[in-house]
Amino acid sequence: MTTATSPRDLAHPARDQIRLETVLHALSDPMRLRVVRELAAADGEVACSYIELPVTKSTTTHHFRVLRESGVIRQAYRGTAKMNGLRRDDLDALFPGLLDTVLSAADAQAARQGTA
């Protein structure tokens, strides 16, 4: 895990520290999967406030932290906003096809349930 050098620097695991079991755990939660789906559909980084979740702000913060610490997303402060982006290159290099398969399965599930 990279260490934060200031309160505005956020710790992220290096590519070689990303573990399959932590990625799968992060993706197993419906709210976190929703975040990942929205980030995958976005064109570039988005602010936390761009993604609305039906949970409290503290729970939303927890979900983003789990995704960051597992290596699924990268977060960085830009001014007063915390910007988020998928670590697609890292995930695709480590686990080829995993992210695309999970996203396709989530889309298919949402279509079946009428929540797409």
PDB file of N, CA and C in Angstrom:
ATOM      1  N   MET A   1       0.855  -1.173   0.000  1.00  0.00           N
ATOM      2  CA  MET A   1       0.000   0.000   0.000  1.00  0.00           C
ATOM      3  C   MET A   1       0.895   1.228   0.000  1.00  0.00           C
ATOM      4  N   THR A   2       0.620   2.117  -0.923  1.00  0.00           N
ATOM      5  CA  THR A   2       1.353   3.376  -0.895  1.00  0.00           C
ATOM      6  C   THR A   2       0.870   4.155   0.317  1.00  0.00           C
ATOM      7  N   THR A   3       1.772   4.845   0.946  1.00  0.00           N
ATOM      8  CA  THR A   3       1.388   5.594   2.135  1.00  0.00           C
ATOM      9  C   THR A   3       1.058   7.026   1.753  1.00  0.00           C
ATOM     10  N   ALA A   4       0.141   7.590   2.487  1.00  0.00           N
ATOM     11  CA  ALA A   4      -0.240   8.975   2.265  1.00  0.00           C
ATOM     12  C   ALA A   4       0.813   9.875   2.900  1.00  0.00           C
ATOM     13  N   THR A   5       1.268  10.872   2.150  1.00  0.00           N
ATOM     14  CA  THR A   5       2.280  11.784   2.669  1.00  0.00           C
ATOM     15  C   THR A   5       1.666  13.040   3.277  1.00  0.00           C
ATOM     16  N   SER A   6       0.378  13.243   2.997  1.00  0.00           N
ATOM     17  CA  SER A   6      -0.348  14.361   3.598  1.00  0.00           C
ATOM     18  C   SER A   6      -1.813  13.947   3.716  1.00  0.00           C
ATOM     19  N   PRO A   7      -2.601  14.692   4.475  1.00  0.00           N
ATOM     20  CA  PRO A   7      -4.013  14.327   4.620  1.00  0.00           C
ATOM     21  C   PRO A   7      -4.784  14.305   3.297  1.00  0.00           C
ATOM     22  N   ARG A   8      -4.286  15.032   2.307  1.00  0.00           N
ATOM     23  CA  ARG A   8      -4.969  15.057   1.009  1.00  0.00           C
ATOM     24  C   ARG A   8      -4.446  14.007   0.047  1.00  0.00           C
ATOM     25  N   ASP A   9      -3.402  13.289   0.427  1.00  0.00           N
ATOM     26  CA  ASP A   9      -2.928  12.149  -0.358  1.00  0.00           C
ATOM     27  C   ASP A   9      -3.607  10.901   0.189  1.00  0.00           C
ATOM     28  N   LEU A  10      -4.108  10.078  -0.704  1.00  0.00           N
ATOM     29  CA  LEU A  10      -4.815   8.874  -0.294  1.00  0.00           C
ATOM     30  C   LEU A  10      -3.962   7.649  -0.622  1.00  0.00           C
ATOM     31  N   ALA A  11      -3.922   6.700   0.304  1.00  0.00           N
ATOM     32  CA  ALA A  11      -3.138   5.480   0.103  1.00  0.00           C
ATOM     33  C   ALA A  11      -3.860   4.534  -0.857  1.00  0.00           C
ATOM     34  N   HIS A  12      -3.091   3.987  -1.789  1.00  0.00           N
ATOM     35  CA  HIS A  12      -3.591   3.012  -2.755  1.00  0.00           C
ATOM     36  C   HIS A  12      -2.615   1.838  -2.800  1.00  0.00           C
ATOM     37  N   PRO A  13      -3.109   0.631  -3.035  1.00  0.00           N
ATOM     38  CA  PRO A  13      -2.166  -0.472  -3.210  1.00  0.00           C
ATOM     39  C   PRO A  13      -1.442  -0.344  -4.553  1.00  0.00           C
ATOM     40  N   ALA A  14      -0.177  -0.692  -4.553  1.00  0.00           N
ATOM     41  CA  ALA A  14       0.562  -0.758  -5.815  1.00  0.00           C
ATOM     42  C   ALA A  14      -0.027  -1.909  -6.633  1.00  0.00           C
ATOM     43  N   ARG A  15       0.184  -1.884  -7.928  1.00  0.00           N
ATOM     44  CA  ARG A  15      -0.377  -2.937  -8.789  1.00  0.00           C
ATOM     45  C   ARG A  15      -0.041  -4.328  -8.270  1.00  0.00           C
ATOM     46  N   ASP A  16       1.196  -4.555  -7.885  1.00  0.00           N
ATOM     47  CA  ASP A  16       1.592  -5.899  -7.453  1.00  0.00           C
ATOM     48  C   ASP A  16       1.044  -6.281  -6.083  1.00  0.00           C
ATOM     49  N   GLN A  17       0.395  -5.349  -5.402  1.00  0.00           N
ATOM     50  CA  GLN A  17      -0.212  -5.637  -4.105  1.00  0.00           C
ATOM     51  C   GLN A  17      -1.717  -5.911  -4.203  1.00  0.00           C
ATOM     52  N   ILE A  18      -2.297  -5.738  -5.381  1.00  0.00           N
ATOM     53  CA  ILE A  18      -3.731  -5.969  -5.558  1.00  0.00           C
ATOM     54  C   ILE A  18      -3.979  -7.469  -5.568  1.00  0.00           C
ATOM     55  N   ARG A  19      -4.889  -7.916  -4.708  1.00  0.00           N
ATOM     56  CA  ARG A  19      -5.193  -9.335  -4.535  1.00  0.00           C
ATOM     57  C   ARG A  19      -6.587  -9.647  -5.080  1.00  0.00           C
ATOM     58  N   LEU A  20      -6.700 -10.770  -5.744  1.00  0.00           N
ATOM     59  CA  LEU A  20      -7.972 -11.178  -6.328  1.00  0.00           C
ATOM     60  C   LEU A  20      -9.081 -11.243  -5.285  1.00  0.00           C
ATOM     61  N   GLU A  21      -8.782 -11.823  -4.124  1.00  0.00           N
ATOM     62  CA  GLU A  21      -9.840 -11.980  -3.120  1.00  0.00           C
ATOM     63  C   GLU A  21     -10.349 -10.639  -2.595  1.00  0.00           C
ATOM     64  N   THR A  22      -9.489  -9.630  -2.504  1.00  0.00           N
ATOM     65  CA  THR A  22      -9.964  -8.321  -2.036  1.00  0.00           C
ATOM     66  C   THR A  22     -10.762  -7.607  -3.124  1.00  0.00           C
ATOM     67  N   VAL A  23     -10.362  -7.797  -4.379  1.00  0.00           N
ATOM     68  CA  VAL A  23     -11.128  -7.222  -5.491  1.00  0.00           C
ATOM     69  C   VAL A  23     -12.517  -7.859  -5.542  1.00  0.00           C
ATOM     70  N   LEU A  24     -12.575  -9.189  -5.443  1.00  0.00           N
ATOM     71  CA  LEU A  24     -13.869  -9.870  -5.482  1.00  0.00           C
ATOM     72  C   LEU A  24     -14.743  -9.472  -4.297  1.00  0.00           C
ATOM     73  N   HIS A  25     -14.130  -9.326  -3.136  1.00  0.00           N
ATOM     74  CA  HIS A  25     -14.890  -8.869  -1.966  1.00  0.00           C
ATOM     75  C   HIS A  25     -15.462  -7.478  -2.221  1.00  0.00           C
ATOM     76  N   ALA A  26     -14.653  -6.585  -2.741  1.00  0.00           N
ATOM     77  CA  ALA A  26     -15.110  -5.223  -3.004  1.00  0.00           C
ATOM     78  C   ALA A  26     -16.266  -5.220  -4.006  1.00  0.00           C
ATOM     79  N   LEU A  27     -16.173  -6.065  -5.008  1.00  0.00           N
ATOM     80  CA  LEU A  27     -17.204  -6.101  -6.053  1.00  0.00           C
ATOM     81  C   LEU A  27     -18.452  -6.866  -5.632  1.00  0.00           C
ATOM     82  N   SER A  28     -18.386  -7.570  -4.511  1.00  0.00           N
ATOM     83  CA  SER A  28     -19.527  -8.394  -4.093  1.00  0.00           C
ATOM     84  C   SER A  28     -20.658  -7.589  -3.460  1.00  0.00           C
ATOM     85  N   ASP A  29     -20.399  -6.368  -3.074  1.00  0.00           N
ATOM     86  CA  ASP A  29     -21.432  -5.538  -2.447  1.00  0.00           C
ATOM     87  C   ASP A  29     -22.217  -4.791  -3.521  1.00  0.00           C
ATOM     88  N   PRO A  30     -23.551  -4.813  -3.466  1.00  0.00           N
ATOM     89  CA  PRO A  30     -24.353  -4.140  -4.500  1.00  0.00           C
ATOM     90  C   PRO A  30     -24.069  -2.643  -4.639  1.00  0.00           C
ATOM     91  N   MET A  31     -23.824  -1.944  -3.540  1.00  0.00           N
ATOM     92  CA  MET A  31     -23.551  -0.502  -3.631  1.00  0.00           C
ATOM     93  C   MET A  31     -22.197  -0.252  -4.290  1.00  0.00           C
ATOM     94  N   ARG A  32     -21.201  -1.042  -3.920  1.00  0.00           N
ATOM     95  CA  ARG A  32     -19.868  -0.869  -4.523  1.00  0.00           C
ATOM     96  C   ARG A  32     -19.899  -1.253  -6.004  1.00  0.00           C
ATOM     97  N   LEU A  33     -20.649  -2.298  -6.339  1.00  0.00           N
ATOM     98  CA  LEU A  33     -20.780  -2.683  -7.743  1.00  0.00           C
ATOM     99  C   LEU A  33     -21.475  -1.565  -8.525  1.00  0.00           C
ATOM    100  N   ARG A  34     -22.422  -0.929  -7.912  1.00  0.00           N
ATOM    101  CA  ARG A  34     -23.095   0.205  -8.549  1.00  0.00           C
ATOM    102  C   ARG A  34     -22.106   1.328  -8.831  1.00  0.00           C
ATOM    103  N   VAL A  35     -21.238   1.624  -7.871  1.00  0.00           N
ATOM    104  CA  VAL A  35     -20.203   2.646  -8.067  1.00  0.00           C
ATOM    105  C   VAL A  35     -19.311   2.267  -9.242  1.00  0.00           C
ATOM    106  N   VAL A  36     -18.867   1.025  -9.278  1.00  0.00           N
ATOM    107  CA  VAL A  36     -17.972   0.569 -10.344  1.00  0.00           C
ATOM    108  C   VAL A  36     -18.667   0.644 -11.697  1.00  0.00           C
ATOM    109  N   ARG A  37     -19.937   0.270 -11.752  1.00  0.00           N
ATOM    110  CA  ARG A  37     -20.682   0.363 -13.014  1.00  0.00           C
ATOM    111  C   ARG A  37     -20.765   1.819 -13.490  1.00  0.00           C
ATOM    112  N   GLU A  38     -21.017   2.730 -12.567  1.00  0.00           N
ATOM    113  CA  GLU A  38     -21.114   4.134 -12.954  1.00  0.00           C
ATOM    114  C   GLU A  38     -19.761   4.696 -13.376  1.00  0.00           C
ATOM    115  N   LEU A  39     -18.701   4.280 -12.694  1.00  0.00           N
ATOM    116  CA  LEU A  39     -17.366   4.735 -13.093  1.00  0.00           C
ATOM    117  C   LEU A  39     -16.985   4.169 -14.455  1.00  0.00           C
ATOM    118  N   ALA A  40     -17.373   2.931 -14.719  1.00  0.00           N
ATOM    119  CA  ALA A  40     -17.069   2.315 -16.019  1.00  0.00           C
ATOM    120  C   ALA A  40     -17.803   3.038 -17.145  1.00  0.00           C
ATOM    121  N   ALA A  41     -19.000   3.535 -16.860  1.00  0.00           N
ATOM    122  CA  ALA A  41     -19.792   4.233 -17.877  1.00  0.00           C
ATOM    123  C   ALA A  41     -19.375   5.693 -18.051  1.00  0.00           C
ATOM    124  N   ALA A  42     -18.682   6.239 -17.060  1.00  0.00           N
ATOM    125  CA  ALA A  42     -18.286   7.650 -17.109  1.00  0.00           C
ATOM    126  C   ALA A  42     -17.118   7.837 -18.069  1.00  0.00           C
ATOM    127  N   ASP A  43     -17.019   9.034 -18.577  1.00  0.00           N
ATOM    128  CA  ASP A  43     -15.900   9.385 -19.452  1.00  0.00           C
ATOM    129  C   ASP A  43     -14.836  10.060 -18.598  1.00  0.00           C
ATOM    130  N   GLY A  44     -13.946   9.272 -18.018  1.00  0.00           N
ATOM    131  CA  GLY A  44     -12.906   9.820 -17.152  1.00  0.00           C
ATOM    132  C   GLY A  44     -13.309   9.790 -15.692  1.00  0.00           C
ATOM    133  N   GLU A  45     -12.607  10.576 -14.898  1.00  0.00           N
ATOM    134  CA  GLU A  45     -12.850  10.614 -13.459  1.00  0.00           C
ATOM    135  C   GLU A  45     -14.130  11.380 -13.143  1.00  0.00           C
ATOM    136  N   VAL A  46     -14.753  10.998 -12.030  1.00  0.00           N
ATOM    137  CA  VAL A  46     -15.935  11.723 -11.557  1.00  0.00           C
ATOM    138  C   VAL A  46     -15.802  11.960 -10.061  1.00  0.00           C
ATOM    139  N   ALA A  47     -16.466  12.994  -9.580  1.00  0.00           N
ATOM    140  CA  ALA A  47     -16.470  13.307  -8.151  1.00  0.00           C
ATOM    141  C   ALA A  47     -17.371  12.326  -7.413  1.00  0.00           C
ATOM    142  N   CYS A  48     -17.098  12.132  -6.141  1.00  0.00           N
ATOM    143  CA  CYS A  48     -17.933  11.257  -5.305  1.00  0.00           C
ATOM    144  C   CYS A  48     -19.393  11.677  -5.384  1.00  0.00           C
ATOM    145  N   SER A  49     -19.643  12.972  -5.389  1.00  0.00           N
ATOM    146  CA  SER A  49     -21.017  13.474  -5.399  1.00  0.00           C
ATOM    147  C   SER A  49     -21.749  13.161  -6.703  1.00  0.00           C
ATOM    148  N   TYR A  50     -21.035  12.804  -7.757  1.00  0.00           N
ATOM    149  CA  TYR A  50     -21.643  12.445  -9.037  1.00  0.00           C
ATOM    150  C   TYR A  50     -22.425  11.141  -8.919  1.00  0.00           C
ATOM    151  N   ILE A  51     -21.982  10.269  -8.023  1.00  0.00           N
ATOM    152  CA  ILE A  51     -22.596   8.957  -7.865  1.00  0.00           C
ATOM    153  C   ILE A  51     -23.483   8.975  -6.623  1.00  0.00           C
ATOM    154  N   GLU A  52     -24.766   8.930  -6.850  1.00  0.00           N
ATOM    155  CA  GLU A  52     -25.717   8.968  -5.742  1.00  0.00           C
ATOM    156  C   GLU A  52     -26.064   7.547  -5.312  1.00  0.00           C
ATOM    157  N   LEU A  53     -25.862   7.274  -4.036  1.00  0.00           N
ATOM    158  CA  LEU A  53     -26.208   5.978  -3.465  1.00  0.00           C
ATOM    159  C   LEU A  53     -27.302   6.178  -2.418  1.00  0.00           C
ATOM    160  N   PRO A  54     -28.208   5.214  -2.286  1.00  0.00           N
ATOM    161  CA  PRO A  54     -29.293   5.339  -1.311  1.00  0.00           C
ATOM    162  C   PRO A  54     -28.857   4.944   0.099  1.00  0.00           C
ATOM    163  N   VAL A  55     -27.730   5.492   0.516  1.00  0.00           N
ATOM    164  CA  VAL A  55     -27.187   5.223   1.850  1.00  0.00           C
ATOM    165  C   VAL A  55     -26.668   6.532   2.430  1.00  0.00           C
ATOM    166  N   THR A  56     -26.307   6.514   3.708  1.00  0.00           N
ATOM    167  CA  THR A  56     -25.797   7.729   4.343  1.00  0.00           C
ATOM    168  C   THR A  56     -24.446   8.120   3.749  1.00  0.00           C
ATOM    169  N   LYS A  57     -24.069   9.355   3.993  1.00  0.00           N
ATOM    170  CA  LYS A  57     -22.781   9.854   3.494  1.00  0.00           C
ATOM    171  C   LYS A  57     -21.622   9.040   4.075  1.00  0.00           C
ATOM    172  N   SER A  58     -21.703   8.685   5.356  1.00  0.00           N
ATOM    173  CA  SER A  58     -20.619   7.915   5.968  1.00  0.00           C
ATOM    174  C   SER A  58     -20.525   6.517   5.363  1.00  0.00           C
ATOM    175  N   THR A  59     -21.662   5.921   5.016  1.00  0.00           N
ATOM    176  CA  THR A  59     -21.643   4.598   4.376  1.00  0.00           C
ATOM    177  C   THR A  59     -21.091   4.707   2.963  1.00  0.00           C
ATOM    178  N   THR A  60     -21.455   5.767   2.263  1.00  0.00           N
ATOM    179  CA  THR A  60     -20.901   5.998   0.931  1.00  0.00           C
ATOM    180  C   THR A  60     -19.381   6.127   1.005  1.00  0.00           C
ATOM    181  N   THR A  61     -18.892   6.882   1.965  1.00  0.00           N
ATOM    182  CA  THR A  61     -17.448   7.044   2.168  1.00  0.00           C
ATOM    183  C   THR A  61     -16.792   5.691   2.415  1.00  0.00           C
ATOM    184  N   HIS A  62     -17.422   4.867   3.222  1.00  0.00           N
ATOM    185  CA  HIS A  62     -16.901   3.518   3.500  1.00  0.00           C
ATOM    186  C   HIS A  62     -16.788   2.715   2.205  1.00  0.00           C
ATOM    187  N   HIS A  63     -17.828   2.742   1.370  1.00  0.00           N
ATOM    188  CA  HIS A  63     -17.804   1.968   0.126  1.00  0.00           C
ATOM    189  C   HIS A  63     -16.681   2.440  -0.803  1.00  0.00           C
ATOM    190  N   PHE A  64     -16.500   3.744  -0.913  1.00  0.00           N
ATOM    191  CA  PHE A  64     -15.412   4.256  -1.746  1.00  0.00           C
ATOM    192  C   PHE A  64     -14.053   3.851  -1.168  1.00  0.00           C
ATOM    193  N   ARG A  65     -13.917   3.863   0.154  1.00  0.00           N
ATOM    194  CA  ARG A  65     -12.647   3.467   0.778  1.00  0.00           C
ATOM    195  C   ARG A  65     -12.342   1.995   0.511  1.00  0.00           C
ATOM    196  N   VAL A  66     -13.341   1.130   0.614  1.00  0.00           N
ATOM    197  CA  VAL A  66     -13.132  -0.296   0.330  1.00  0.00           C
ATOM    198  C   VAL A  66     -12.686  -0.480  -1.117  1.00  0.00           C
ATOM    199  N   LEU A  67     -13.322   0.217  -2.038  1.00  0.00           N
ATOM    200  CA  LEU A  67     -12.935   0.107  -3.447  1.00  0.00           C
ATOM    201  C   LEU A  67     -11.506   0.608  -3.671  1.00  0.00           C
ATOM    202  N   ARG A  68     -11.151   1.713  -3.017  1.00  0.00           N
ATOM    203  CA  ARG A  68      -9.793   2.253  -3.166  1.00  0.00           C
ATOM    204  C   ARG A  68      -8.759   1.319  -2.569  1.00  0.00           C
ATOM    205  N   GLU A  69      -9.000   0.843  -1.339  1.00  0.00           N
ATOM    206  CA  GLU A  69      -8.020   0.004  -0.654  1.00  0.00           C
ATOM    207  C   GLU A  69      -7.882  -1.378  -1.283  1.00  0.00           C
ATOM    208  N   SER A  70      -8.881  -1.803  -2.031  1.00  0.00           N
ATOM    209  CA  SER A  70      -8.787  -3.090  -2.721  1.00  0.00           C
ATOM    210  C   SER A  70      -8.077  -2.954  -4.067  1.00  0.00           C
ATOM    211  N   GLY A  71      -7.924  -1.720  -4.547  1.00  0.00           N
ATOM    212  CA  GLY A  71      -7.252  -1.486  -5.817  1.00  0.00           C
ATOM    213  C   GLY A  71      -8.189  -1.379  -7.005  1.00  0.00           C
ATOM    214  N   VAL A  72      -9.494  -1.325  -6.755  1.00  0.00           N
ATOM    215  CA  VAL A  72     -10.457  -1.238  -7.850  1.00  0.00           C
ATOM    216  C   VAL A  72     -10.538   0.181  -8.400  1.00  0.00           C
ATOM    217  N   ILE A  73     -10.446   1.187  -7.528  1.00  0.00           N
ATOM    218  CA  ILE A  73     -10.502   2.574  -7.984  1.00  0.00           C
ATOM    219  C   ILE A  73      -9.288   3.345  -7.488  1.00  0.00           C
ATOM    220  N   ARG A  74      -9.057   4.469  -8.132  1.00  0.00           N
ATOM    221  CA  ARG A  74      -8.042   5.419  -7.690  1.00  0.00           C
ATOM    222  C   ARG A  74      -8.782   6.701  -7.333  1.00  0.00           C
ATOM    223  N   GLN A  75      -8.416   7.288  -6.205  1.00  0.00           N
ATOM    224  CA  GLN A  75      -9.017   8.543  -5.772  1.00  0.00           C
ATOM    225  C   GLN A  75      -7.924   9.594  -5.610  1.00  0.00           C
ATOM    226  N   ALA A  76      -8.262  10.808  -5.994  1.00  0.00           N
ATOM    227  CA  ALA A  76      -7.327  11.926  -5.829  1.00  0.00           C
ATOM    228  C   ALA A  76      -8.121  13.203  -5.640  1.00  0.00           C
ATOM    229  N   TYR A  77      -7.610  14.062  -4.797  1.00  0.00           N
ATOM    230  CA  TYR A  77      -8.248  15.367  -4.603  1.00  0.00           C
ATOM    231  C   TYR A  77      -7.888  16.277  -5.760  1.00  0.00           C
ATOM    232  N   ARG A  78      -8.896  16.948  -6.289  1.00  0.00           N
ATOM    233  CA  ARG A  78      -8.727  17.989  -7.290  1.00  0.00           C
ATOM    234  C   ARG A  78      -9.481  19.189  -6.728  1.00  0.00           C
ATOM    235  N   GLY A  79      -8.737  20.117  -6.164  1.00  0.00           N
ATOM    236  CA  GLY A  79      -9.382  21.226  -5.467  1.00  0.00           C
ATOM    237  C   GLY A  79     -10.088  20.688  -4.234  1.00  0.00           C
ATOM    238  N   THR A  80     -11.384  20.955  -4.139  1.00  0.00           N
ATOM    239  CA  THR A  80     -12.136  20.463  -2.986  1.00  0.00           C
ATOM    240  C   THR A  80     -12.853  19.152  -3.268  1.00  0.00           C
ATOM    241  N   ALA A  81     -12.799  18.683  -4.504  1.00  0.00           N
ATOM    242  CA  ALA A  81     -13.498  17.447  -4.875  1.00  0.00           C
ATOM    243  C   ALA A  81     -12.554  16.247  -4.804  1.00  0.00           C
ATOM    244  N   LYS A  82     -13.101  15.138  -4.372  1.00  0.00           N
ATOM    245  CA  LYS A  82     -12.358  13.879  -4.419  1.00  0.00           C
ATOM    246  C   LYS A  82     -12.806  13.171  -5.696  1.00  0.00           C
ATOM    247  N   MET A  83     -11.871  13.026  -6.634  1.00  0.00           N
ATOM    248  CA  MET A  83     -12.178  12.437  -7.927  1.00  0.00           C
ATOM    249  C   MET A  83     -11.886  10.940  -7.907  1.00  0.00           C
ATOM    250  N   ASN A  84     -12.682  10.195  -8.661  1.00  0.00           N
ATOM    251  CA  ASN A  84     -12.614   8.741  -8.673  1.00  0.00           C
ATOM    252  C   ASN A  84     -12.526   8.220 -10.096  1.00  0.00           C
ATOM    253  N   GLY A  85     -11.698   7.208 -10.274  1.00  0.00           N
ATOM    254  CA  GLY A  85     -11.597   6.545 -11.571  1.00  0.00           C
ATOM    255  C   GLY A  85     -11.274   5.078 -11.380  1.00  0.00           C
ATOM    256  N   LEU A  86     -11.741   4.251 -12.297  1.00  0.00           N
ATOM    257  CA  LEU A  86     -11.427   2.825 -12.243  1.00  0.00           C
ATOM    258  C   LEU A  86      -9.952   2.592 -12.544  1.00  0.00           C
ATOM    259  N   ARG A  87      -9.375   1.624 -11.888  1.00  0.00           N
ATOM    260  CA  ARG A  87      -8.001   1.229 -12.202  1.00  0.00           C
ATOM    261  C   ARG A  87      -8.051   0.096 -13.222  1.00  0.00           C
ATOM    262  N   ARG A  88      -8.714   0.365 -14.335  1.00  0.00           N
ATOM    263  CA  ARG A  88      -8.951  -0.646 -15.369  1.00  0.00           C
ATOM    264  C   ARG A  88      -7.646  -1.250 -15.895  1.00  0.00           C
ATOM    265  N   ASP A  89      -6.651  -0.418 -16.157  1.00  0.00           N
ATOM    266  CA  ASP A  89      -5.382  -0.945 -16.686  1.00  0.00           C
ATOM    267  C   ASP A  89      -4.758  -1.939 -15.719  1.00  0.00           C
ATOM    268  N   ASP A  90      -4.742  -1.588 -14.437  1.00  0.00           N
ATOM    269  CA  ASP A  90      -4.163  -2.488 -13.435  1.00  0.00           C
ATOM    270  C   ASP A  90      -4.965  -3.776 -13.324  1.00  0.00           C
ATOM    271  N   LEU A  91      -6.283  -3.654 -13.248  1.00  0.00           N
ATOM    272  CA  LEU A  91      -7.128  -4.843 -13.104  1.00  0.00           C
ATOM    273  C   LEU A  91      -7.057  -5.736 -14.336  1.00  0.00           C
ATOM    274  N   ASP A  92      -7.052  -5.132 -15.527  1.00  0.00           N
ATOM    275  CA  ASP A  92      -6.968  -5.929 -16.751  1.00  0.00           C
ATOM    276  C   ASP A  92      -5.615  -6.630 -16.876  1.00  0.00           C
ATOM    277  N   ALA A  93      -4.555  -5.985 -16.410  1.00  0.00           N
ATOM    278  CA  ALA A  93      -3.226  -6.609 -16.467  1.00  0.00           C
ATOM    279  C   ALA A  93      -3.125  -7.779 -15.493  1.00  0.00           C
ATOM    280  N   LEU A  94      -3.701  -7.614 -14.314  1.00  0.00           N
ATOM    281  CA  LEU A  94      -3.608  -8.656 -13.291  1.00  0.00           C
ATOM    282  C   LEU A  94      -4.615  -9.782 -13.490  1.00  0.00           C
ATOM    283  N   PHE A  95      -5.837  -9.418 -13.869  1.00  0.00           N
ATOM    284  CA  PHE A  95      -6.932 -10.380 -13.968  1.00  0.00           C
ATOM    285  C   PHE A  95      -7.661 -10.161 -15.297  1.00  0.00           C
ATOM    286  N   PRO A  96      -7.052 -10.591 -16.407  1.00  0.00           N
ATOM    287  CA  PRO A  96      -7.615 -10.313 -17.733  1.00  0.00           C
ATOM    288  C   PRO A  96      -9.074 -10.767 -17.852  1.00  0.00           C
ATOM    289  N   GLY A  97      -9.912  -9.838 -18.281  1.00  0.00           N
ATOM    290  CA  GLY A  97     -11.318 -10.140 -18.518  1.00  0.00           C
ATOM    291  C   GLY A  97     -12.219 -10.077 -17.295  1.00  0.00           C
ATOM    292  N   LEU A  98     -11.650 -10.005 -16.106  1.00  0.00           N
ATOM    293  CA  LEU A  98     -12.467 -10.030 -14.892  1.00  0.00           C
ATOM    294  C   LEU A  98     -13.429  -8.849 -14.836  1.00  0.00           C
ATOM    295  N   LEU A  99     -12.926  -7.651 -14.983  1.00  0.00           N
ATOM    296  CA  LEU A  99     -13.764  -6.468 -14.853  1.00  0.00           C
ATOM    297  C   LEU A  99     -14.855  -6.457 -15.916  1.00  0.00           C
ATOM    298  N   ASP A 100     -14.504  -6.747 -17.157  1.00  0.00           N
ATOM    299  CA  ASP A 100     -15.508  -6.765 -18.223  1.00  0.00           C
ATOM    300  C   ASP A 100     -16.573  -7.827 -17.968  1.00  0.00           C
ATOM    301  N   THR A 101     -16.164  -8.990 -17.477  1.00  0.00           N
ATOM    302  CA  THR A 101     -17.115 -10.059 -17.181  1.00  0.00           C
ATOM    303  C   THR A 101     -18.061  -9.662 -16.057  1.00  0.00           C
ATOM    304  N   VAL A 102     -17.513  -9.077 -14.995  1.00  0.00           N
ATOM    305  CA  VAL A 102     -18.344  -8.641 -13.868  1.00  0.00           C
ATOM    306  C   VAL A 102     -19.316  -7.551 -14.323  1.00  0.00           C
ATOM    307  N   LEU A 103     -18.840  -6.593 -15.089  1.00  0.00           N
ATOM    308  CA  LEU A 103     -19.705  -5.512 -15.558  1.00  0.00           C
ATOM    309  C   LEU A 103     -20.796  -6.042 -16.486  1.00  0.00           C
ATOM    310  N   SER A 104     -20.465  -6.970 -17.369  1.00  0.00           N
ATOM    311  CA  SER A 104     -21.466  -7.568 -18.262  1.00  0.00           C
ATOM    312  C   SER A 104     -22.513  -8.338 -17.471  1.00  0.00           C
ATOM    313  N   ALA A 105     -22.061  -9.103 -16.476  1.00  0.00           N
ATOM    314  CA  ALA A 105     -22.991  -9.862 -15.635  1.00  0.00           C
ATOM    315  C   ALA A 105     -23.898  -8.925 -14.843  1.00  0.00           C
ATOM    316  N   ALA A 106     -23.340  -7.827 -14.334  1.00  0.00           N
ATOM    317  CA  ALA A 106     -24.143  -6.855 -13.581  1.00  0.00           C
ATOM    318  C   ALA A 106     -25.174  -6.185 -14.486  1.00  0.00           C
ATOM    319  N   ASP A 107     -24.780  -5.867 -15.717  1.00  0.00           N
ATOM    320  CA  ASP A 107     -25.721  -5.273 -16.668  1.00  0.00           C
ATOM    321  C   ASP A 107     -26.847  -6.248 -16.995  1.00  0.00           C
ATOM    322  N   ALA A 108     -26.504  -7.517 -17.216  1.00  0.00           N
ATOM    323  CA  ALA A 108     -27.512  -8.535 -17.528  1.00  0.00           C
ATOM    324  C   ALA A 108     -28.470  -8.715 -16.354  1.00  0.00           C
ATOM    325  N   GLN A 109     -27.933  -8.729 -15.148  1.00  0.00           N
ATOM    326  CA  GLN A 109     -28.775  -8.871 -13.957  1.00  0.00           C
ATOM    327  C   GLN A 109     -29.718  -7.682 -13.816  1.00  0.00           C
ATOM    328  N   ALA A 110     -29.186  -6.477 -14.026  1.00  0.00           N
ATOM    329  CA  ALA A 110     -30.022  -5.276 -13.920  1.00  0.00           C
ATOM    330  C   ALA A 110     -31.120  -5.293 -14.973  1.00  0.00           C
ATOM    331  N   ALA A 111     -30.809  -5.765 -16.175  1.00  0.00           N
ATOM    332  CA  ALA A 111     -31.818  -5.838 -17.236  1.00  0.00           C
ATOM    333  C   ALA A 111     -32.916  -6.848 -16.867  1.00  0.00           C
ATOM    334  N   ARG A 112     -32.539  -7.983 -16.312  1.00  0.00           N
ATOM    335  CA  ARG A 112     -33.518  -8.992 -15.900  1.00  0.00           C
ATOM    336  C   ARG A 112     -34.423  -8.461 -14.803  1.00  0.00           C
ATOM    337  N   GLN A 113     -33.849  -7.662 -13.902  1.00  0.00           N
ATOM    338  CA  GLN A 113     -34.611  -7.143 -12.770  1.00  0.00           C
ATOM    339  C   GLN A 113     -35.293  -5.817 -13.080  1.00  0.00           C
ATOM    340  N   GLY A 114     -35.049  -5.293 -14.253  1.00  0.00           N
ATOM    341  CA  GLY A 114     -35.663  -4.031 -14.643  1.00  0.00           C
ATOM    342  C   GLY A 114     -35.086  -2.829 -13.946  1.00  0.00           C
ATOM    343  N   THR A 115     -33.820  -2.936 -13.510  1.00  0.00           N
ATOM    344  CA  THR A 115     -33.181  -1.830 -12.791  1.00  0.00           C
ATOM    345  C   THR A 115     -32.024  -1.229 -13.577  1.00  0.00           C
ATOM    346  N   ALA A 116     -31.938  -1.549 -14.848  1.00  0.00           N
ATOM    347  CA  ALA A 116     -30.834  -1.039 -15.668  1.00  0.00           C
ATOM    348  C   ALA A 116     -30.954   0.416 -15.799  1.00  0.00           C
TER     349      ALA A 116
END
